[in-house]
Every structure is written in C-alpha cells, then in structure tokens.
Amino acid sequence: MMLASIVLNIMNEEKNIADLLDSLVVQEGPIEIIVIDAGSKDHTRDIVSSYTEKYPFVKLYVKPGRRGESTNYGVSLAQGEIVVFTGGTCIANPFWVKELRASVKAGAAVVVGRTINIGYQPWESLDRVELNHKGNDISYPSCNEAFKKEAITKVGGFDNWFITAEDIDLNMRAVDAGFNIVYNPNAVIYHRTKATVYRFFKQAFWNGAGRKQLTMKHGKLWGSYDPLKMFRQKMSLWAFIRLGVAFMGYIGFKLFGDKRLETP
C-alpha cells in the first residue's frame, strides 16, 4: 500500500479541527497527517497536540505565511508517494483516502473528489464557477485533492504569491505539465460553509481577487469559462450577491493589489 501524506494548512480552527482529525485518523492506512499551523491565535495547536500524543502518525509544525507557502512546507515534509490535501473546515468520509489511493493506483497523477457543502442551506447549494483548461476543470478546490508526490514536485508546488486561487493555479500548471485531473465522486469531503454573512462576503471578495491574480499571471481567461453552464447554475439571490462581491474583489485587486506580472 502506498503511504498517503495528508497535509493540512490551518489557522484559528479550534472549533473545527477536532472534527476533522477525528475523521482522518480512521482513514485507511498507511497514512501520515502533517498539520501546518500558519500562526493560530486560539487553541488550535493545543487541540492538535493532544492528537500528536495519541497518534504517532499525526505531526504538528508551525509555519506562518500565505496558504501556498505554509502548504508547500508541509509537502516538503511529506514522506508518502501520495500527497493529499483538505481544509480545516472539512470532515472526511471514512473511505476518502481509500478512494483517492485507488484512483492513483489506477494510474492517475492528480485526483479530485466530490465536495459536499454543509451549513446554511442557501449557501450549501451555491455552485462553483468552473474554469476549464485543455479539457480539464481546474477549479476543483484543494480541500479534496491528491497528487502523486512526483507530480506536485514536477510542477513546483503552490505559488506563494497567491492570496487565494493558489489551487486553481496549481491545477493549471499540472495540466500544462501533461497531467489530467481525474474526478472520483466516491472520494467525499464535507465542507462547512461560512458561519456569518461577514465571512461569506470576505470569502467571496478574496475569491474574486484570486481570479484576478490568475489573469495577471496567465493572461486573459474569459475563454476558459462556459457562459452557458454558468447561466444554467442556480442563480439565487445569494448567488448574485456573491458574484457582485467577487467582482469588487476582482476590480479591487486590479486597482490596488500586487502588480507583479511575471511568472515565478
């Protein structure tokens, strides 16, 4: 069996981290769980430490920085042939790693699973804004994704410059490197939606900024969106609000954000 290294980049997740770790320690082995704390100010590290004492395959490190930087540090420590990602607000189905591992064993170098939102119902049903590149949907989030270690090493890991959308950028570069993204609907992650309107707006704003970062690095991407599929999405009031806030983030980063245009 291939060792799977589960890399978690977390910060201030004291309300959720125990649920996540409880769902991970029961995954099919062999596994290691590498927790990278990006500088929590709450009791997150204390909770994770209680798991490191009980489970020798759970390890805790501290590495402040943007999400890509902290996650890359975790990848550098990974010993597994498979590197698996999820998020601090997630809960894994008991067969999650088993399904991801099965896809890799079948020949996939990049695997994404099915992410089910849980929380406030109107936010649960919001669809992803898909982005397609060379026949692959590259907008799958890294909260439910696995890479063969050699594949993520080849593409250079996450770009530390990104505030958000670092996972879309990674997926795009993986496709450019010749890897197809394989979807396994049986690899299930339950993802909590934001708990407050403020956090919902904040997430939408920075998602919009991340999409602008993608265009600054890769050029215009409007042709990579499917307008017909976007039109068919559930365009609720919350969907329009999210779109408007994301557009503000897109324009805001264009006007006031980092002006770096070169590829790292």
C-alpha atoms as a PDB file:
ATOM      1  CA  MET A   1       0.000   0.000   0.000  1.00  0.00           C
ATOM      2  CA  MET A   2       1.244   3.472  -0.887  1.00  0.00           C
ATOM      3  CA  LEU A   3       1.794   5.809   2.052  1.00  0.00           C
ATOM      4  CA  ALA A   4      -0.579   8.799   1.836  1.00  0.00           C
ATOM      5  CA  SER A   5       0.620  12.054   3.375  1.00  0.00           C
ATOM      6  CA  ILE A   6      -2.357  14.218   4.376  1.00  0.00           C
ATOM      7  CA  VAL A   7      -1.203  17.838   4.509  1.00  0.00           C
ATOM      8  CA  LEU A   8      -3.341  20.324   6.430  1.00  0.00           C
ATOM      9  CA  ASN A   9      -2.734  24.078   6.348  1.00  0.00           C
ATOM     10  CA  ILE A  10      -4.781  25.572   9.181  1.00  0.00           C
ATOM     11  CA  MET A  11      -5.164  28.731  11.256  1.00  0.00           C
ATOM     12  CA  ASN A  12      -7.596  29.538  14.071  1.00  0.00           C
ATOM     13  CA  GLU A  13      -9.644  26.365  13.666  1.00  0.00           C
ATOM     14  CA  GLU A  14     -10.259  25.459  17.306  1.00  0.00           C
ATOM     15  CA  LYS A  15     -13.991  24.966  16.619  1.00  0.00           C
ATOM     16  CA  ASN A  16     -13.463  22.551  13.744  1.00  0.00           C
ATOM     17  CA  ILE A  17     -10.057  20.869  13.933  1.00  0.00           C
ATOM     18  CA  ALA A  18     -11.086  18.045  16.279  1.00  0.00           C
ATOM     19  CA  ASP A  19     -13.915  17.001  13.948  1.00  0.00           C
ATOM     20  CA  LEU A  20     -11.513  16.979  11.023  1.00  0.00           C
ATOM     21  CA  LEU A  21      -8.807  14.992  12.806  1.00  0.00           C
ATOM     22  CA  ASP A  22     -11.371  12.505  14.137  1.00  0.00           C
ATOM     23  CA  SER A  23     -12.396  11.844  10.541  1.00  0.00           C
ATOM     24  CA  LEU A  24      -8.776  11.479   9.380  1.00  0.00           C
ATOM     25  CA  VAL A  25      -7.255   9.188  11.996  1.00  0.00           C
ATOM     26  CA  VAL A  26      -9.679   6.418  10.934  1.00  0.00           C
ATOM     27  CA  GLN A  27      -8.734   6.563   7.244  1.00  0.00           C
ATOM     28  CA  GLU A  28      -7.282   3.529   5.511  1.00  0.00           C
ATOM     29  CA  GLY A  29      -3.575   3.260   6.218  1.00  0.00           C
ATOM     30  CA  PRO A  30      -0.775   3.688   5.820  1.00  0.00           C
ATOM     31  CA  ILE A  31      -1.154   7.427   6.363  1.00  0.00           C
ATOM     32  CA  GLU A  32       0.638  10.324   7.966  1.00  0.00           C
ATOM     33  CA  ILE A  33      -1.121  13.551   8.913  1.00  0.00           C
ATOM     34  CA  ILE A  34       1.058  16.654   8.647  1.00  0.00           C
ATOM     35  CA  VAL A  35      -0.583  19.652  10.296  1.00  0.00           C
ATOM     36  CA  ILE A  36       0.936  23.034   9.420  1.00  0.00           C
ATOM     37  CA  ASP A  37      -0.324  25.798  11.673  1.00  0.00           C
ATOM     38  CA  ALA A  38       0.029  29.159   9.939  1.00  0.00           C
ATOM     39  CA  GLY A  39       0.034  31.154  13.184  1.00  0.00           C
ATOM     40  CA  SER A  40      -3.142  30.460  15.145  1.00  0.00           C
ATOM     41  CA  LYS A  41      -4.086  32.846  17.937  1.00  0.00           C
ATOM     42  CA  ASP A  42      -6.619  30.496  19.532  1.00  0.00           C
ATOM     43  CA  HIS A  43      -6.312  26.971  20.985  1.00  0.00           C
ATOM     44  CA  THR A  44      -5.880  25.180  17.650  1.00  0.00           C
ATOM     45  CA  ARG A  45      -2.339  23.985  18.369  1.00  0.00           C
ATOM     46  CA  ASP A  46      -3.297  22.738  21.818  1.00  0.00           C
ATOM     47  CA  ILE A  47      -6.027  20.570  20.299  1.00  0.00           C
ATOM     48  CA  VAL A  48      -3.739  19.229  17.579  1.00  0.00           C
ATOM     49  CA  SER A  49      -1.058  18.466  20.185  1.00  0.00           C
ATOM     50  CA  SER A  50      -3.484  16.192  22.010  1.00  0.00           C
ATOM     51  CA  TYR A  51      -3.740  14.144  18.797  1.00  0.00           C
ATOM     52  CA  THR A  52       0.026  14.005  18.267  1.00  0.00           C
ATOM     53  CA  GLU A  53       0.333  12.469  21.733  1.00  0.00           C
ATOM     54  CA  LYS A  54      -2.266   9.815  20.942  1.00  0.00           C
ATOM     55  CA  TYR A  55      -1.436   9.061  17.306  1.00  0.00           C
ATOM     56  CA  PRO A  56       2.232   8.842  16.288  1.00  0.00           C
ATOM     57  CA  PHE A  57       1.354   9.440  12.636  1.00  0.00           C
ATOM     58  CA  VAL A  58      -0.058  12.910  13.424  1.00  0.00           C
ATOM     59  CA  LYS A  59       2.616  15.624  13.335  1.00  0.00           C
ATOM     60  CA  LEU A  60       2.366  19.345  14.084  1.00  0.00           C
ATOM     61  CA  TYR A  61       4.543  22.129  12.693  1.00  0.00           C
ATOM     62  CA  VAL A  62       4.274  25.917  12.711  1.00  0.00           C
ATOM     63  CA  LYS A  63       4.928  27.888   9.527  1.00  0.00           C
ATOM     64  CA  PRO A  64       3.286  31.330   9.193  1.00  0.00           C
ATOM     65  CA  GLY A  65       2.728  32.622   5.688  1.00  0.00           C
ATOM     66  CA  ARG A  66       0.242  32.662   2.862  1.00  0.00           C
ATOM     67  CA  ARG A  67      -1.637  29.447   2.210  1.00  0.00           C
ATOM     68  CA  GLY A  68       0.665  28.297  -0.558  1.00  0.00           C
ATOM     69  CA  GLU A  69       3.805  28.905   1.478  1.00  0.00           C
ATOM     70  CA  SER A  70       2.576  27.027   4.543  1.00  0.00           C
ATOM     71  CA  THR A  71       1.216  24.155   2.457  1.00  0.00           C
ATOM     72  CA  ASN A  72       4.450  23.844   0.473  1.00  0.00           C
ATOM     73  CA  TYR A  73       6.288  23.463   3.752  1.00  0.00           C
ATOM     74  CA  GLY A  74       4.031  20.551   4.605  1.00  0.00           C
ATOM     75  CA  VAL A  75       4.625  18.992   1.192  1.00  0.00           C
ATOM     76  CA  SER A  76       8.378  19.234   1.731  1.00  0.00           C
ATOM     77  CA  LEU A  77       7.986  17.153   4.901  1.00  0.00           C
ATOM     78  CA  ALA A  78       5.730  14.531   3.319  1.00  0.00           C
ATOM     79  CA  GLN A  79       7.152  11.025   3.113  1.00  0.00           C
ATOM     80  CA  GLY A  80       4.291   9.463   1.150  1.00  0.00           C
ATOM     81  CA  GLU A  81       4.041   8.557  -2.502  1.00  0.00           C
ATOM     82  CA  ILE A  82       0.689  10.370  -2.452  1.00  0.00           C
ATOM     83  CA  VAL A  83       0.143  13.887  -1.084  1.00  0.00           C
ATOM     84  CA  VAL A  84      -3.438  14.605  -0.056  1.00  0.00           C
ATOM     85  CA  PHE A  85      -4.986  17.977   0.776  1.00  0.00           C
ATOM     86  CA  THR A  86      -8.047  19.049   2.708  1.00  0.00           C
ATOM     87  CA  GLY A  87      -9.069  22.038   4.821  1.00  0.00           C
ATOM     88  CA  GLY A  88      -9.621  22.911   8.441  1.00  0.00           C
ATOM     89  CA  THR A  89     -13.379  23.355   7.983  1.00  0.00           C
ATOM     90  CA  CYS A  90     -13.809  19.920   6.402  1.00  0.00           C
ATOM     91  CA  ILE A  91     -14.837  16.434   7.523  1.00  0.00           C
ATOM     92  CA  ALA A  92     -13.702  13.392   5.538  1.00  0.00           C
ATOM     93  CA  ASN A  93     -15.858  10.426   4.623  1.00  0.00           C
ATOM     94  CA  PRO A  94     -14.361   7.249   6.194  1.00  0.00           C
ATOM     95  CA  PHE A  95     -13.418   5.915   2.736  1.00  0.00           C
ATOM     96  CA  TRP A  96     -11.972   9.172   1.419  1.00  0.00           C
ATOM     97  CA  VAL A  97      -8.275   8.231   1.362  1.00  0.00           C
ATOM     98  CA  LYS A  98      -9.098   4.712   0.160  1.00  0.00           C
ATOM     99  CA  GLU A  99     -10.860   6.141  -2.894  1.00  0.00           C
ATOM    100  CA  LEU A 100      -8.122   8.674  -3.678  1.00  0.00           C
ATOM    101  CA  ARG A 101      -5.472   5.980  -3.321  1.00  0.00           C
ATOM    102  CA  ALA A 102      -7.438   3.669  -5.638  1.00  0.00           C
ATOM    103  CA  SER A 103      -7.509   6.343  -8.354  1.00  0.00           C
ATOM    104  CA  VAL A 104      -3.755   6.885  -8.058  1.00  0.00           C
ATOM    105  CA  LYS A 105      -3.119   3.148  -8.172  1.00  0.00           C
ATOM    106  CA  ALA A 106      -5.228   3.043 -11.350  1.00  0.00           C
ATOM    107  CA  GLY A 107      -2.818   5.486 -12.971  1.00  0.00           C
ATOM    108  CA  ALA A 108      -4.000   8.987 -12.048  1.00  0.00           C
ATOM    109  CA  ALA A 109      -1.400  11.555 -11.037  1.00  0.00           C
ATOM    110  CA  VAL A 110      -3.951  14.182  -9.917  1.00  0.00           C
ATOM    111  CA  VAL A 111      -7.268  13.198  -8.331  1.00  0.00           C
ATOM    112  CA  VAL A 112     -10.136  15.344  -7.082  1.00  0.00           C
ATOM    113  CA  GLY A 113     -13.155  14.149  -5.140  1.00  0.00           C
ATOM    114  CA  ARG A 114     -16.745  15.201  -4.526  1.00  0.00           C
ATOM    115  CA  THR A 115     -17.091  18.080  -2.062  1.00  0.00           C
ATOM    116  CA  ILE A 116     -20.459  18.465  -0.325  1.00  0.00           C
ATOM    117  CA  ASN A 117     -21.178  21.786   1.355  1.00  0.00           C
ATOM    118  CA  ILE A 118     -22.894  21.694   4.740  1.00  0.00           C
ATOM    119  CA  GLY A 119     -24.237  24.622   6.747  1.00  0.00           C
ATOM    120  CA  TYR A 120     -26.644  27.416   5.867  1.00  0.00           C
ATOM    121  CA  GLN A 121     -28.843  25.867   3.164  1.00  0.00           C
ATOM    122  CA  PRO A 122     -28.877  28.772   0.657  1.00  0.00           C
ATOM    123  CA  TRP A 123     -25.063  28.742   0.737  1.00  0.00           C
ATOM    124  CA  GLU A 124     -24.862  24.940   0.504  1.00  0.00           C
ATOM    125  CA  SER A 125     -26.432  24.996  -2.947  1.00  0.00           C
ATOM    126  CA  LEU A 126     -24.139  27.624  -4.497  1.00  0.00           C
ATOM    127  CA  ASP A 127     -22.258  26.191  -7.487  1.00  0.00           C
ATOM    128  CA  ARG A 128     -18.579  26.570  -8.267  1.00  0.00           C
ATOM    129  CA  VAL A 129     -17.627  28.976 -11.034  1.00  0.00           C
ATOM    130  CA  GLU A 130     -15.872  26.449 -13.233  1.00  0.00           C
ATOM    131  CA  LEU A 131     -12.708  27.230 -15.155  1.00  0.00           C
ATOM    132  CA  ASN A 132     -11.656  24.885 -17.954  1.00  0.00           C
ATOM    133  CA  HIS A 133      -8.171  24.411 -19.340  1.00  0.00           C
ATOM    134  CA  LYS A 134      -7.202  21.933 -22.053  1.00  0.00           C
ATOM    135  CA  GLY A 135     -10.253  19.801 -21.385  1.00  0.00           C
ATOM    136  CA  ASN A 136      -9.855  19.789 -17.603  1.00  0.00           C
ATOM    137  CA  ASP A 137     -11.910  21.539 -14.946  1.00  0.00           C
ATOM    138  CA  ILE A 138      -9.162  23.252 -12.969  1.00  0.00           C
ATOM    139  CA  SER A 139     -11.479  24.970 -10.486  1.00  0.00           C
ATOM    140  CA  TYR A 140     -11.789  21.952  -8.182  1.00  0.00           C
ATOM    141  CA  PRO A 141     -10.699  23.102  -4.701  1.00  0.00           C
ATOM    142  CA  SER A 142      -7.652  21.657  -2.982  1.00  0.00           C
ATOM    143  CA  CYS A 143      -9.771  20.787   0.066  1.00  0.00           C
ATOM    144  CA  ASN A 144     -10.402  17.486  -1.731  1.00  0.00           C
ATOM    145  CA  GLU A 145      -7.418  16.683  -3.911  1.00  0.00           C
ATOM    146  CA  ALA A 146      -4.493  14.281  -4.138  1.00  0.00           C
ATOM    147  CA  PHE A 147      -1.256  14.349  -6.131  1.00  0.00           C
ATOM    148  CA  LYS A 148       1.371  11.762  -6.724  1.00  0.00           C
ATOM    149  CA  LYS A 149       4.386  13.203  -4.939  1.00  0.00           C
ATOM    150  CA  GLU A 150       6.434  13.182  -8.134  1.00  0.00           C
ATOM    151  CA  ALA A 151       3.712  15.163  -9.949  1.00  0.00           C
ATOM    152  CA  ILE A 152       3.442  18.001  -7.436  1.00  0.00           C
ATOM    153  CA  THR A 153       7.234  18.112  -7.226  1.00  0.00           C
ATOM    154  CA  LYS A 154       7.488  18.377 -11.004  1.00  0.00           C
ATOM    155  CA  VAL A 155       5.122  21.372 -11.213  1.00  0.00           C
ATOM    156  CA  GLY A 156       6.832  23.130  -8.298  1.00  0.00           C
ATOM    157  CA  GLY A 157       4.053  23.090  -5.715  1.00  0.00           C
ATOM    158  CA  PHE A 158       1.879  26.091  -4.887  1.00  0.00           C
ATOM    159  CA  ASP A 159       2.821  29.613  -5.947  1.00  0.00           C
ATOM    160  CA  ASN A 160       3.431  31.554  -2.718  1.00  0.00           C
ATOM    161  CA  TRP A 161       2.315  34.802  -4.364  1.00  0.00           C
ATOM    162  CA  PHE A 162      -1.358  33.865  -4.442  1.00  0.00           C
ATOM    163  CA  ILE A 163      -3.656  35.059  -1.663  1.00  0.00           C
ATOM    164  CA  THR A 164      -6.430  32.766  -2.925  1.00  0.00           C
ATOM    165  CA  ALA A 165      -6.855  30.662  -6.096  1.00  0.00           C
ATOM    166  CA  GLU A 166      -3.466  29.068  -5.471  1.00  0.00           C
ATOM    167  CA  ASP A 167      -5.131  25.691  -6.004  1.00  0.00           C
ATOM    168  CA  ILE A 168      -6.537  26.708  -9.408  1.00  0.00           C
ATOM    169  CA  ASP A 169      -3.097  27.939 -10.434  1.00  0.00           C
ATOM    170  CA  LEU A 170      -1.559  24.636  -9.318  1.00  0.00           C
ATOM    171  CA  ASN A 171      -4.152  22.660 -11.261  1.00  0.00           C
ATOM    172  CA  MET A 172      -3.498  24.744 -14.379  1.00  0.00           C
ATOM    173  CA  ARG A 173       0.235  24.153 -14.192  1.00  0.00           C
ATOM    174  CA  ALA A 174      -0.335  20.440 -13.596  1.00  0.00           C
ATOM    175  CA  VAL A 175      -2.409  20.248 -16.784  1.00  0.00           C
ATOM    176  CA  ASP A 176       0.240  22.224 -18.679  1.00  0.00           C
ATOM    177  CA  ALA A 177       2.804  19.692 -17.450  1.00  0.00           C
ATOM    178  CA  GLY A 178       0.806  16.897 -19.090  1.00  0.00           C
ATOM    179  CA  PHE A 179      -1.256  15.605 -16.161  1.00  0.00           C
ATOM    180  CA  ASN A 180      -5.006  15.138 -16.479  1.00  0.00           C
ATOM    181  CA  ILE A 181      -7.249  15.765 -13.478  1.00  0.00           C
ATOM    182  CA  VAL A 182      -9.275  12.648 -12.630  1.00  0.00           C
ATOM    183  CA  TYR A 183     -12.572  13.024 -10.795  1.00  0.00           C
ATOM    184  CA  ASN A 184     -13.582  10.346  -8.272  1.00  0.00           C
ATOM    185  CA  PRO A 185     -17.119  11.035  -6.963  1.00  0.00           C
ATOM    186  CA  ASN A 186     -16.669   8.406  -4.244  1.00  0.00           C
ATOM    187  CA  ALA A 187     -13.903  10.414  -2.546  1.00  0.00           C
ATOM    188  CA  VAL A 188     -16.189  12.560  -0.416  1.00  0.00           C
ATOM    189  CA  ILE A 189     -15.372  15.571   1.731  1.00  0.00           C
ATOM    190  CA  TYR A 190     -17.981  17.514   3.709  1.00  0.00           C
ATOM    191  CA  HIS A 191     -17.110  21.200   3.721  1.00  0.00           C
ATOM    192  CA  ARG A 192     -18.637  23.697   6.142  1.00  0.00           C
ATOM    193  CA  THR A 193     -19.938  26.904   4.615  1.00  0.00           C
ATOM    194  CA  LYS A 194     -19.072  30.176   6.318  1.00  0.00           C
ATOM    195  CA  ALA A 195     -20.874  30.764   9.601  1.00  0.00           C
ATOM    196  CA  THR A 196     -21.619  34.500   9.240  1.00  0.00           C
ATOM    197  CA  VAL A 197     -22.577  36.931   6.485  1.00  0.00           C
ATOM    198  CA  TYR A 198     -19.357  38.862   7.088  1.00  0.00           C
ATOM    199  CA  ARG A 199     -17.234  35.756   6.494  1.00  0.00           C
ATOM    200  CA  PHE A 200     -19.311  34.844   3.453  1.00  0.00           C
ATOM    201  CA  PHE A 201     -18.660  38.307   1.967  1.00  0.00           C
ATOM    202  CA  LYS A 202     -14.985  38.146   2.886  1.00  0.00           C
ATOM    203  CA  GLN A 203     -14.591  34.769   1.178  1.00  0.00           C
ATOM    204  CA  ALA A 204     -16.382  35.984  -1.964  1.00  0.00           C
ATOM    205  CA  PHE A 205     -14.269  39.154  -2.114  1.00  0.00           C
ATOM    206  CA  TRP A 206     -10.966  37.296  -1.884  1.00  0.00           C
ATOM    207  CA  ASN A 207     -12.124  34.624  -4.327  1.00  0.00           C
ATOM    208  CA  GLY A 208     -12.679  37.434  -6.805  1.00  0.00           C
ATOM    209  CA  ALA A 209      -9.218  38.824  -6.047  1.00  0.00           C
ATOM    210  CA  GLY A 210      -7.775  35.365  -6.640  1.00  0.00           C
ATOM    211  CA  ARG A 211      -9.395  35.163 -10.066  1.00  0.00           C
ATOM    212  CA  LYS A 212      -7.724  38.478 -10.906  1.00  0.00           C
ATOM    213  CA  GLN A 213      -4.383  37.093  -9.748  1.00  0.00           C
ATOM    214  CA  LEU A 214      -4.885  34.213 -12.185  1.00  0.00           C
ATOM    215  CA  THR A 215      -5.314  36.610 -15.113  1.00  0.00           C
ATOM    216  CA  MET A 216      -2.296  38.652 -14.029  1.00  0.00           C
ATOM    217  CA  LYS A 217      -0.160  35.523 -14.122  1.00  0.00           C
ATOM    218  CA  HIS A 218      -1.666  33.564 -17.017  1.00  0.00           C
ATOM    219  CA  GLY A 219      -3.292  36.221 -19.187  1.00  0.00           C
ATOM    220  CA  LYS A 220      -6.961  36.623 -20.087  1.00  0.00           C
ATOM    221  CA  LEU A 221      -9.031  33.594 -19.099  1.00  0.00           C
ATOM    222  CA  TRP A 222     -12.517  34.630 -20.181  1.00  0.00           C
ATOM    223  CA  GLY A 223     -12.483  31.992 -22.913  1.00  0.00           C
ATOM    224  CA  SER A 224     -11.957  29.323 -20.266  1.00  0.00           C
ATOM    225  CA  TYR A 225     -15.371  29.968 -18.698  1.00  0.00           C
ATOM    226  CA  ASP A 226     -18.518  28.309 -20.060  1.00  0.00           C
ATOM    227  CA  PRO A 227     -21.194  31.046 -20.177  1.00  0.00           C
ATOM    228  CA  LEU A 228     -23.984  28.547 -20.931  1.00  0.00           C
ATOM    229  CA  LYS A 229     -23.076  26.378 -17.952  1.00  0.00           C
ATOM    230  CA  MET A 230     -22.847  29.458 -15.741  1.00  0.00           C
ATOM    231  CA  PHE A 231     -26.308  30.540 -16.943  1.00  0.00           C
ATOM    232  CA  ARG A 232     -27.710  27.128 -16.022  1.00  0.00           C
ATOM    233  CA  GLN A 233     -26.447  27.406 -12.457  1.00  0.00           C
ATOM    234  CA  LYS A 234     -28.844  28.079  -9.604  1.00  0.00           C
ATOM    235  CA  MET A 235     -28.890  31.870  -9.779  1.00  0.00           C
ATOM    236  CA  SER A 236     -30.407  32.613  -6.393  1.00  0.00           C
ATOM    237  CA  LEU A 237     -30.255  35.964  -4.634  1.00  0.00           C
ATOM    238  CA  TRP A 238     -27.187  34.773  -2.719  1.00  0.00           C
ATOM    239  CA  ALA A 239     -25.537  33.726  -5.981  1.00  0.00           C
ATOM    240  CA  PHE A 240     -25.971  37.250  -7.383  1.00  0.00           C
ATOM    241  CA  ILE A 241     -24.696  38.774  -4.137  1.00  0.00           C
ATOM    242  CA  ARG A 242     -21.658  36.519  -4.160  1.00  0.00           C
ATOM    243  CA  LEU A 243     -20.970  37.409  -7.790  1.00  0.00           C
ATOM    244  CA  GLY A 244     -21.185  41.121  -7.025  1.00  0.00           C
ATOM    245  CA  VAL A 245     -18.844  40.927  -4.038  1.00  0.00           C
ATOM    246  CA  ALA A 246     -16.400  38.762  -6.012  1.00  0.00           C
ATOM    247  CA  PHE A 247     -16.417  41.343  -8.816  1.00  0.00           C
ATOM    248  CA  MET A 248     -15.469  44.007  -6.261  1.00  0.00           C
ATOM    249  CA  GLY A 249     -12.561  41.803  -5.178  1.00  0.00           C
ATOM    250  CA  TYR A 250     -11.543  41.321  -8.821  1.00  0.00           C
ATOM    251  CA  ILE A 251     -11.571  45.067  -9.552  1.00  0.00           C
ATOM    252  CA  GLY A 252     -10.066  45.929  -6.179  1.00  0.00           C
ATOM    253  CA  PHE A 253      -7.052  43.707  -6.724  1.00  0.00           C
ATOM    254  CA  LYS A 254      -6.669  45.049 -10.256  1.00  0.00           C
ATOM    255  CA  LEU A 255      -6.521  48.614  -8.943  1.00  0.00           C
ATOM    256  CA  PHE A 256      -4.737  48.235  -5.635  1.00  0.00           C
ATOM    257  CA  GLY A 257      -3.260  44.749  -5.465  1.00  0.00           C
ATOM    258  CA  ASP A 258       0.165  43.344  -6.163  1.00  0.00           C
ATOM    259  CA  LYS A 259       1.192  44.427  -9.676  1.00  0.00           C
ATOM    260  CA  ARG A 260       3.620  41.570 -10.246  1.00  0.00           C
ATOM    261  CA  LEU A 261       3.018  40.222 -13.734  1.00  0.00           C
ATOM    262  CA  GLU A 262       5.906  37.837 -14.267  1.00  0.00           C
ATOM    263  CA  THR A 263       5.597  34.109 -13.722  1.00  0.00           C
ATOM    264  CA  PRO A 264       7.692  32.998 -10.714  1.00  0.00           C
END
